PDB file of all heavy atoms in Angstrom:
ATOM      1  N   ILE A   1     -27.706 -11.410  -8.069  1.00  0.00           N
ATOM      2  CA  ILE A   1     -28.262 -10.839  -9.298  1.00  0.00           C
ATOM      3  C   ILE A   1     -27.806 -11.694 -10.471  1.00  0.00           C
ATOM      4  O   ILE A   1     -26.600 -11.837 -10.723  1.00  0.00           O
ATOM      5  CB  ILE A   1     -27.799  -9.381  -9.490  1.00  0.00           C
ATOM      6  CG1 ILE A   1     -28.188  -8.543  -8.264  1.00  0.00           C
ATOM      7  CG2 ILE A   1     -28.403  -8.786 -10.760  1.00  0.00           C
ATOM      8  CD1 ILE A   1     -27.466  -7.219  -8.177  1.00  0.00           C
ATOM      9  N   LYS A   2     -28.775 -12.272 -11.164  1.00  0.00           N
ATOM     10  CA  LYS A   2     -28.482 -13.085 -12.343  1.00  0.00           C
ATOM     11  C   LYS A   2     -29.164 -12.478 -13.559  1.00  0.00           C
ATOM     12  O   LYS A   2     -29.847 -11.453 -13.457  1.00  0.00           O
ATOM     13  CB  LYS A   2     -28.942 -14.526 -12.111  1.00  0.00           C
ATOM     14  CG  LYS A   2     -28.226 -15.207 -10.950  1.00  0.00           C
ATOM     15  CD  LYS A   2     -28.702 -16.640 -10.756  1.00  0.00           C
ATOM     16  CE  LYS A   2     -27.963 -17.309  -9.601  1.00  0.00           C
ATOM     17  NZ  LYS A   2     -28.436 -18.703  -9.373  1.00  0.00           N
ATOM     18  N   ASN A   3     -29.018 -13.142 -14.696  1.00  0.00           N
ATOM     19  CA  ASN A   3     -29.539 -12.606 -15.949  1.00  0.00           C
ATOM     20  C   ASN A   3     -31.052 -12.443 -15.922  1.00  0.00           C
ATOM     21  O   ASN A   3     -31.591 -11.458 -16.435  1.00  0.00           O
ATOM     22  CB  ASN A   3     -29.115 -13.520 -17.102  1.00  0.00           C
ATOM     23  CG  ASN A   3     -29.541 -12.965 -18.447  1.00  0.00           C
ATOM     24  OD1 ASN A   3     -30.479 -13.456 -19.046  1.00  0.00           O
ATOM     25  ND2 ASN A   3     -28.854 -11.934 -18.913  1.00  0.00           N
ATOM     26  N   LYS A   4     -31.760 -13.398 -15.311  1.00  0.00           N
ATOM     27  CA  LYS A   4     -33.219 -13.364 -15.311  1.00  0.00           C
ATOM     28  C   LYS A   4     -33.825 -13.230 -13.923  1.00  0.00           C
ATOM     29  O   LYS A   4     -35.047 -13.241 -13.777  1.00  0.00           O
ATOM     30  CB  LYS A   4     -33.775 -14.648 -15.960  1.00  0.00           C
ATOM     31  CG  LYS A   4     -33.417 -14.829 -17.428  1.00  0.00           C
ATOM     32  CD  LYS A   4     -34.081 -13.771 -18.277  1.00  0.00           C
ATOM     33  CE  LYS A   4     -33.806 -14.030 -19.770  1.00  0.00           C
ATOM     34  NZ  LYS A   4     -34.412 -12.978 -20.614  1.00  0.00           N
ATOM     35  N   LYS A   5     -32.989 -13.143 -12.898  1.00  0.00           N
ATOM     36  CA  LYS A   5     -33.531 -13.179 -11.544  1.00  0.00           C
ATOM     37  C   LYS A   5     -32.654 -12.400 -10.573  1.00  0.00           C
ATOM     38  O   LYS A   5     -31.432 -12.459 -10.632  1.00  0.00           O
ATOM     39  CB  LYS A   5     -33.641 -14.633 -11.080  1.00  0.00           C
ATOM     40  CG  LYS A   5     -34.223 -14.802  -9.686  1.00  0.00           C
ATOM     41  CD  LYS A   5     -34.421 -16.273  -9.333  1.00  0.00           C
ATOM     42  CE  LYS A   5     -33.122 -16.938  -8.971  1.00  0.00           C
ATOM     43  NZ  LYS A   5     -33.319 -18.303  -8.437  1.00  0.00           N
ATOM     44  N   VAL A   6     -33.308 -11.688  -9.660  1.00  0.00           N
ATOM     45  CA  VAL A   6     -32.652 -11.066  -8.512  1.00  0.00           C
ATOM     46  C   VAL A   6     -33.223 -11.739  -7.272  1.00  0.00           C
ATOM     47  O   VAL A   6     -34.450 -11.828  -7.110  1.00  0.00           O
ATOM     48  CB  VAL A   6     -32.912  -9.550  -8.466  1.00  0.00           C
ATOM     49  CG1 VAL A   6     -32.365  -8.968  -7.169  1.00  0.00           C
ATOM     50  CG2 VAL A   6     -32.295  -8.860  -9.664  1.00  0.00           C
ATOM     51  N   HIS A   7     -32.341 -12.218  -6.396  1.00  0.00           N
ATOM     52  CA  HIS A   7     -32.770 -12.918  -5.186  1.00  0.00           C
ATOM     53  C   HIS A   7     -32.138 -12.226  -3.986  1.00  0.00           C
ATOM     54  O   HIS A   7     -30.918 -12.197  -3.835  1.00  0.00           O
ATOM     55  CB  HIS A   7     -32.338 -14.380  -5.245  1.00  0.00           C
ATOM     56  CG  HIS A   7     -32.999 -15.238  -4.203  1.00  0.00           C
ATOM     57  ND1 HIS A   7     -32.723 -16.576  -4.061  1.00  0.00           N
ATOM     58  CD2 HIS A   7     -33.922 -14.944  -3.264  1.00  0.00           C
ATOM     59  CE1 HIS A   7     -33.454 -17.072  -3.073  1.00  0.00           C
ATOM     60  NE2 HIS A   7     -34.188 -16.102  -2.574  1.00  0.00           N
ATOM     61  N   LEU A   8     -32.987 -11.629  -3.138  1.00  0.00           N
ATOM     62  CA  LEU A   8     -32.536 -10.926  -1.939  1.00  0.00           C
ATOM     63  C   LEU A   8     -33.062 -11.669  -0.720  1.00  0.00           C
ATOM     64  O   LEU A   8     -34.277 -11.842  -0.565  1.00  0.00           O
ATOM     65  CB  LEU A   8     -33.052  -9.487  -1.941  1.00  0.00           C
ATOM     66  CG  LEU A   8     -32.838  -8.645  -0.685  1.00  0.00           C
ATOM     67  CD1 LEU A   8     -31.368  -8.577  -0.285  1.00  0.00           C
ATOM     68  CD2 LEU A   8     -33.401  -7.241  -0.891  1.00  0.00           C
ATOM     69  N   MET A   9     -32.154 -12.118   0.152  1.00  0.00           N
ATOM     70  CA  MET A   9     -32.594 -12.869   1.316  1.00  0.00           C
ATOM     71  C   MET A   9     -31.835 -12.438   2.566  1.00  0.00           C
ATOM     72  O   MET A   9     -30.693 -11.986   2.511  1.00  0.00           O
ATOM     73  CB  MET A   9     -32.426 -14.367   1.087  1.00  0.00           C
ATOM     74  CG  MET A   9     -31.056 -14.815   0.692  1.00  0.00           C
ATOM     75  SD  MET A   9     -31.065 -16.578   0.296  1.00  0.00           S
ATOM     76  CE  MET A   9     -29.741 -16.670  -0.900  1.00  0.00           C
ATOM     77  N   SER A  10     -32.539 -12.605   3.698  1.00  0.00           N
ATOM     78  CA  SER A  10     -31.976 -12.289   5.002  1.00  0.00           C
ATOM     79  C   SER A  10     -32.771 -13.057   6.047  1.00  0.00           C
ATOM     80  O   SER A  10     -33.849 -13.584   5.765  1.00  0.00           O
ATOM     81  CB  SER A  10     -32.052 -10.793   5.274  1.00  0.00           C
ATOM     82  OG  SER A  10     -31.643 -10.479   6.592  1.00  0.00           O
ATOM     83  N   LYS A  11     -32.257 -13.091   7.264  1.00  0.00           N
ATOM     84  CA  LYS A  11     -33.005 -13.692   8.360  1.00  0.00           C
ATOM     85  C   LYS A  11     -34.029 -12.732   8.945  1.00  0.00           C
ATOM     86  O   LYS A  11     -34.875 -13.145   9.735  1.00  0.00           O
ATOM     87  CB  LYS A  11     -32.054 -14.166   9.464  1.00  0.00           C
ATOM     88  CG  LYS A  11     -31.278 -15.422   9.104  1.00  0.00           C
ATOM     89  CD  LYS A  11     -30.668 -16.072  10.320  1.00  0.00           C
ATOM     90  CE  LYS A  11     -31.728 -16.699  11.189  1.00  0.00           C
ATOM     91  NZ  LYS A  11     -31.158 -17.533  12.276  1.00  0.00           N
ATOM     92  N   SER A  12     -33.962 -11.460   8.592  1.00  0.00           N
ATOM     93  CA  SER A  12     -34.873 -10.485   9.171  1.00  0.00           C
ATOM     94  C   SER A  12     -35.415  -9.544   8.101  1.00  0.00           C
ATOM     95  O   SER A  12     -34.744  -9.287   7.097  1.00  0.00           O
ATOM     96  CB  SER A  12     -34.153  -9.655  10.246  1.00  0.00           C
ATOM     97  OG  SER A  12     -33.248  -8.753   9.639  1.00  0.00           O
ATOM     98  N   PRO A  13     -36.616  -9.000   8.299  1.00  0.00           N
ATOM     99  CA  PRO A  13     -37.109  -7.973   7.377  1.00  0.00           C
ATOM    100  C   PRO A  13     -36.175  -6.770   7.296  1.00  0.00           C
ATOM    101  O   PRO A  13     -36.028  -6.172   6.230  1.00  0.00           O
ATOM    102  CB  PRO A  13     -38.476  -7.599   7.973  1.00  0.00           C
ATOM    103  CG  PRO A  13     -38.910  -8.814   8.721  1.00  0.00           C
ATOM    104  CD  PRO A  13     -37.632  -9.389   9.292  1.00  0.00           C
ATOM    105  N   ALA A  14     -35.527  -6.417   8.421  1.00  0.00           N
ATOM    106  CA  ALA A  14     -34.583  -5.292   8.388  1.00  0.00           C
ATOM    107  C   ALA A  14     -33.446  -5.567   7.424  1.00  0.00           C
ATOM    108  O   ALA A  14     -33.038  -4.696   6.647  1.00  0.00           O
ATOM    109  CB  ALA A  14     -34.036  -5.020   9.788  1.00  0.00           C
ATOM    110  N   GLY A  15     -32.919  -6.792   7.446  1.00  0.00           N
ATOM    111  CA  GLY A  15     -31.851  -7.140   6.521  1.00  0.00           C
ATOM    112  C   GLY A  15     -32.299  -7.032   5.072  1.00  0.00           C
ATOM    113  O   GLY A  15     -31.554  -6.557   4.207  1.00  0.00           O
ATOM    114  N   VAL A  16     -33.534  -7.472   4.797  1.00  0.00           N
ATOM    115  CA  VAL A  16     -34.073  -7.337   3.443  1.00  0.00           C
ATOM    116  C   VAL A  16     -34.177  -5.861   3.069  1.00  0.00           C
ATOM    117  O   VAL A  16     -33.844  -5.463   1.941  1.00  0.00           O
ATOM    118  CB  VAL A  16     -35.441  -8.030   3.324  1.00  0.00           C
ATOM    119  CG1 VAL A  16     -36.087  -7.740   1.968  1.00  0.00           C
ATOM    120  CG2 VAL A  16     -35.296  -9.538   3.516  1.00  0.00           C
ATOM    121  N   PHE A  17     -34.615  -5.028   4.007  1.00  0.00           N
ATOM    122  CA  PHE A  17     -34.746  -3.599   3.723  1.00  0.00           C
ATOM    123  C   PHE A  17     -33.410  -2.975   3.368  1.00  0.00           C
ATOM    124  O   PHE A  17     -33.310  -2.182   2.418  1.00  0.00           O
ATOM    125  CB  PHE A  17     -35.356  -2.879   4.927  1.00  0.00           C
ATOM    126  CG  PHE A  17     -35.613  -1.418   4.683  1.00  0.00           C
ATOM    127  CD1 PHE A  17     -36.706  -1.005   3.950  1.00  0.00           C
ATOM    128  CD2 PHE A  17     -34.750  -0.448   5.182  1.00  0.00           C
ATOM    129  CE1 PHE A  17     -36.945   0.342   3.714  1.00  0.00           C
ATOM    130  CE2 PHE A  17     -34.973   0.899   4.962  1.00  0.00           C
ATOM    131  CZ  PHE A  17     -36.075   1.298   4.224  1.00  0.00           C
ATOM    132  N   TRP A  18     -32.350  -3.326   4.116  1.00  0.00           N
ATOM    133  CA  TRP A  18     -31.035  -2.760   3.791  1.00  0.00           C
ATOM    134  C   TRP A  18     -30.547  -3.286   2.436  1.00  0.00           C
ATOM    135  O   TRP A  18     -29.909  -2.549   1.676  1.00  0.00           O
ATOM    136  CB  TRP A  18     -30.024  -3.065   4.896  1.00  0.00           C
ATOM    137  CG  TRP A  18     -30.483  -2.610   6.252  1.00  0.00           C
ATOM    138  CD1 TRP A  18     -30.534  -3.352   7.395  1.00  0.00           C
ATOM    139  CD2 TRP A  18     -30.981  -1.312   6.611  1.00  0.00           C
ATOM    140  NE1 TRP A  18     -31.032  -2.610   8.439  1.00  0.00           N
ATOM    141  CE2 TRP A  18     -31.311  -1.346   7.989  1.00  0.00           C
ATOM    142  CE3 TRP A  18     -31.193  -0.137   5.911  1.00  0.00           C
ATOM    143  CZ2 TRP A  18     -31.837  -0.249   8.668  1.00  0.00           C
ATOM    144  CZ3 TRP A  18     -31.717   0.965   6.596  1.00  0.00           C
ATOM    145  CH2 TRP A  18     -32.025   0.903   7.939  1.00  0.00           C
ATOM    146  N   GLY A  19     -30.880  -4.526   2.123  1.00  0.00           N
ATOM    147  CA  GLY A  19     -30.537  -5.043   0.802  1.00  0.00           C
ATOM    148  C   GLY A  19     -31.269  -4.314  -0.310  1.00  0.00           C
ATOM    149  O   GLY A  19     -30.730  -4.106  -1.401  1.00  0.00           O
ATOM    150  N   ILE A  20     -32.509  -3.909  -0.037  1.00  0.00           N
ATOM    151  CA  ILE A  20     -33.265  -3.127  -1.024  1.00  0.00           C
ATOM    152  C   ILE A  20     -32.559  -1.800  -1.299  1.00  0.00           C
ATOM    153  O   ILE A  20     -32.503  -1.340  -2.451  1.00  0.00           O
ATOM    154  CB  ILE A  20     -34.703  -2.898  -0.528  1.00  0.00           C
ATOM    155  CG1 ILE A  20     -35.523  -4.186  -0.663  1.00  0.00           C
ATOM    156  CG2 ILE A  20     -35.381  -1.764  -1.303  1.00  0.00           C
ATOM    157  CD1 ILE A  20     -36.910  -4.104  -0.044  1.00  0.00           C
ATOM    158  N   GLN A  21     -32.007  -1.176  -0.263  1.00  0.00           N
ATOM    159  CA  GLN A  21     -31.280   0.085  -0.486  1.00  0.00           C
ATOM    160  C   GLN A  21     -30.098  -0.135  -1.428  1.00  0.00           C
ATOM    161  O   GLN A  21     -29.802   0.707  -2.292  1.00  0.00           O
ATOM    162  CB  GLN A  21     -30.804   0.672   0.839  1.00  0.00           C
ATOM    163  CG  GLN A  21     -31.894   0.897   1.867  1.00  0.00           C
ATOM    164  CD  GLN A  21     -33.137   1.551   1.291  1.00  0.00           C
ATOM    165  OE1 GLN A  21     -33.057   2.561   0.571  1.00  0.00           O
ATOM    166  NE2 GLN A  21     -34.293   0.974   1.574  1.00  0.00           N
ATOM    167  N   THR A  22     -29.406  -1.262  -1.265  1.00  0.00           N
ATOM    168  CA  THR A  22     -28.299  -1.580  -2.165  1.00  0.00           C
ATOM    169  C   THR A  22     -28.798  -1.785  -3.588  1.00  0.00           C
ATOM    170  O   THR A  22     -28.210  -1.267  -4.551  1.00  0.00           O
ATOM    171  CB  THR A  22     -27.558  -2.839  -1.668  1.00  0.00           C
ATOM    172  OG1 THR A  22     -27.031  -2.578  -0.366  1.00  0.00           O
ATOM    173  CG2 THR A  22     -26.415  -3.219  -2.602  1.00  0.00           C
ATOM    174  N   LEU A  23     -29.891  -2.527  -3.738  1.00  0.00           N
ATOM    175  CA  LEU A  23     -30.451  -2.765  -5.071  1.00  0.00           C
ATOM    176  C   LEU A  23     -30.851  -1.456  -5.741  1.00  0.00           C
ATOM    177  O   LEU A  23     -30.593  -1.249  -6.939  1.00  0.00           O
ATOM    178  CB  LEU A  23     -31.653  -3.704  -4.957  1.00  0.00           C
ATOM    179  CG  LEU A  23     -32.379  -4.061  -6.261  1.00  0.00           C
ATOM    180  CD1 LEU A  23     -31.432  -4.754  -7.235  1.00  0.00           C
ATOM    181  CD2 LEU A  23     -33.595  -4.951  -5.959  1.00  0.00           C
ATOM    182  N   LEU A  24     -31.441  -0.548  -4.997  1.00  0.00           N
ATOM    183  CA  LEU A  24     -31.840   0.737  -5.563  1.00  0.00           C
ATOM    184  C   LEU A  24     -30.628   1.549  -6.005  1.00  0.00           C
ATOM    185  O   LEU A  24     -30.677   2.255  -7.029  1.00  0.00           O
ATOM    186  CB  LEU A  24     -32.659   1.530  -4.537  1.00  0.00           C
ATOM    187  CG  LEU A  24     -34.034   0.947  -4.191  1.00  0.00           C
ATOM    188  CD1 LEU A  24     -34.662   1.720  -3.037  1.00  0.00           C
ATOM    189  CD2 LEU A  24     -34.953   0.972  -5.404  1.00  0.00           C
ATOM    190  N   GLN A  25     -29.531   1.444  -5.257  1.00  0.00           N
ATOM    191  CA  GLN A  25     -28.320   2.157  -5.664  1.00  0.00           C
ATOM    192  C   GLN A  25     -27.718   1.582  -6.937  1.00  0.00           C
ATOM    193  O   GLN A  25     -26.972   2.280  -7.645  1.00  0.00           O
ATOM    194  CB  GLN A  25     -27.283   2.111  -4.536  1.00  0.00           C
ATOM    195  CG  GLN A  25     -27.625   2.972  -3.340  1.00  0.00           C
ATOM    196  CD  GLN A  25     -26.508   3.006  -2.321  1.00  0.00           C
ATOM    197  OE1 GLN A  25     -25.342   2.767  -2.634  1.00  0.00           O
ATOM    198  NE2 GLN A  25     -26.852   3.308  -1.084  1.00  0.00           N
ATOM    199  N   LEU A  26     -28.008   0.326  -7.226  1.00  0.00           N
ATOM    200  CA  LEU A  26     -27.462  -0.301  -8.433  1.00  0.00           C
ATOM    201  C   LEU A  26     -28.192   0.126  -9.699  1.00  0.00           C
ATOM    202  O   LEU A  26     -27.697  -0.105 -10.810  1.00  0.00           O
ATOM    203  CB  LEU A  26     -27.516  -1.826  -8.308  1.00  0.00           C
ATOM    204  CG  LEU A  26     -26.551  -2.442  -7.285  1.00  0.00           C
ATOM    205  CD1 LEU A  26     -26.831  -3.924  -7.113  1.00  0.00           C
ATOM    206  CD2 LEU A  26     -25.099  -2.222  -7.706  1.00  0.00           C
ATOM    207  N   LEU A  27     -29.355   0.733  -9.545  1.00  0.00           N
ATOM    208  CA  LEU A  27     -30.068   1.217 -10.728  1.00  0.00           C
ATOM    209  C   LEU A  27     -29.273   2.313 -11.418  1.00  0.00           C
ATOM    210  O   LEU A  27     -28.717   3.195 -10.755  1.00  0.00           O
ATOM    211  CB  LEU A  27     -31.427   1.791 -10.336  1.00  0.00           C
ATOM    212  CG  LEU A  27     -32.601   0.841 -10.135  1.00  0.00           C
ATOM    213  CD1 LEU A  27     -33.808   1.637  -9.681  1.00  0.00           C
ATOM    214  CD2 LEU A  27     -32.920   0.079 -11.409  1.00  0.00           C
ATOM    215  N   PRO A  28     -29.222   2.298 -12.738  1.00  0.00           N
ATOM    216  CA  PRO A  28     -28.605   3.428 -13.436  1.00  0.00           C
ATOM    217  C   PRO A  28     -29.501   4.652 -13.333  1.00  0.00           C
ATOM    218  O   PRO A  28     -30.660   4.559 -12.910  1.00  0.00           O
ATOM    219  CB  PRO A  28     -28.508   2.929 -14.883  1.00  0.00           C
ATOM    220  CG  PRO A  28     -29.636   1.957 -15.014  1.00  0.00           C
ATOM    221  CD  PRO A  28     -29.769   1.284 -13.661  1.00  0.00           C
ATOM    222  N   THR A  29     -28.978   5.784 -13.713  1.00  0.00           N
ATOM    223  CA  THR A  29     -29.775   7.006 -13.666  1.00  0.00           C
ATOM    224  C   THR A  29     -30.602   7.210 -14.929  1.00  0.00           C
ATOM    225  O   THR A  29     -31.402   8.133 -14.998  1.00  0.00           O
ATOM    226  CB  THR A  29     -28.866   8.230 -13.449  1.00  0.00           C
ATOM    227  OG1 THR A  29     -27.852   8.247 -14.459  1.00  0.00           O
ATOM    228  CG2 THR A  29     -28.224   8.168 -12.073  1.00  0.00           C
ATOM    229  N   SER A  30     -30.414   6.336 -15.929  1.00  0.00           N
ATOM    230  CA  SER A  30     -31.224   6.407 -17.144  1.00  0.00           C
ATOM    231  C   SER A  30     -31.331   5.019 -17.756  1.00  0.00           C
ATOM    232  O   SER A  30     -30.531   4.123 -17.463  1.00  0.00           O
ATOM    233  CB  SER A  30     -30.624   7.389 -18.156  1.00  0.00           C
ATOM    234  OG  SER A  30     -29.335   6.973 -18.534  1.00  0.00           O
ATOM    235  N   ALA A  31     -32.320   4.842 -18.633  1.00  0.00           N
ATOM    236  CA  ALA A  31     -32.582   3.547 -19.251  1.00  0.00           C
ATOM    237  C   ALA A  31     -31.881   3.439 -20.604  1.00  0.00           C
ATOM    238  O   ALA A  31     -31.397   4.423 -21.170  1.00  0.00           O
ATOM    239  CB  ALA A  31     -34.082   3.351 -19.434  1.00  0.00           C
ATOM    240  N   THR A  32     -31.853   2.211 -21.138  1.00  0.00           N
ATOM    241  CA  THR A  32     -31.377   1.998 -22.503  1.00  0.00           C
ATOM    242  C   THR A  32     -32.441   2.490 -23.486  1.00  0.00           C
ATOM    243  O   THR A  32     -33.547   2.864 -23.096  1.00  0.00           O
ATOM    244  CB  THR A  32     -31.109   0.505 -22.748  1.00  0.00           C
ATOM    245  OG1 THR A  32     -32.346  -0.222 -22.582  1.00  0.00           O
ATOM    246  CG2 THR A  32     -30.081  -0.028 -21.766  1.00  0.00           C
TER     247      THR A  32
END
């Protein structure tokens, strides 16, 4: 996760899916 880009990579679609779960957990519960 960088200032202008998020890059999620894995060797398998399953790995990408689990990474998506992590990314979703990083979202705050409200916006600025």
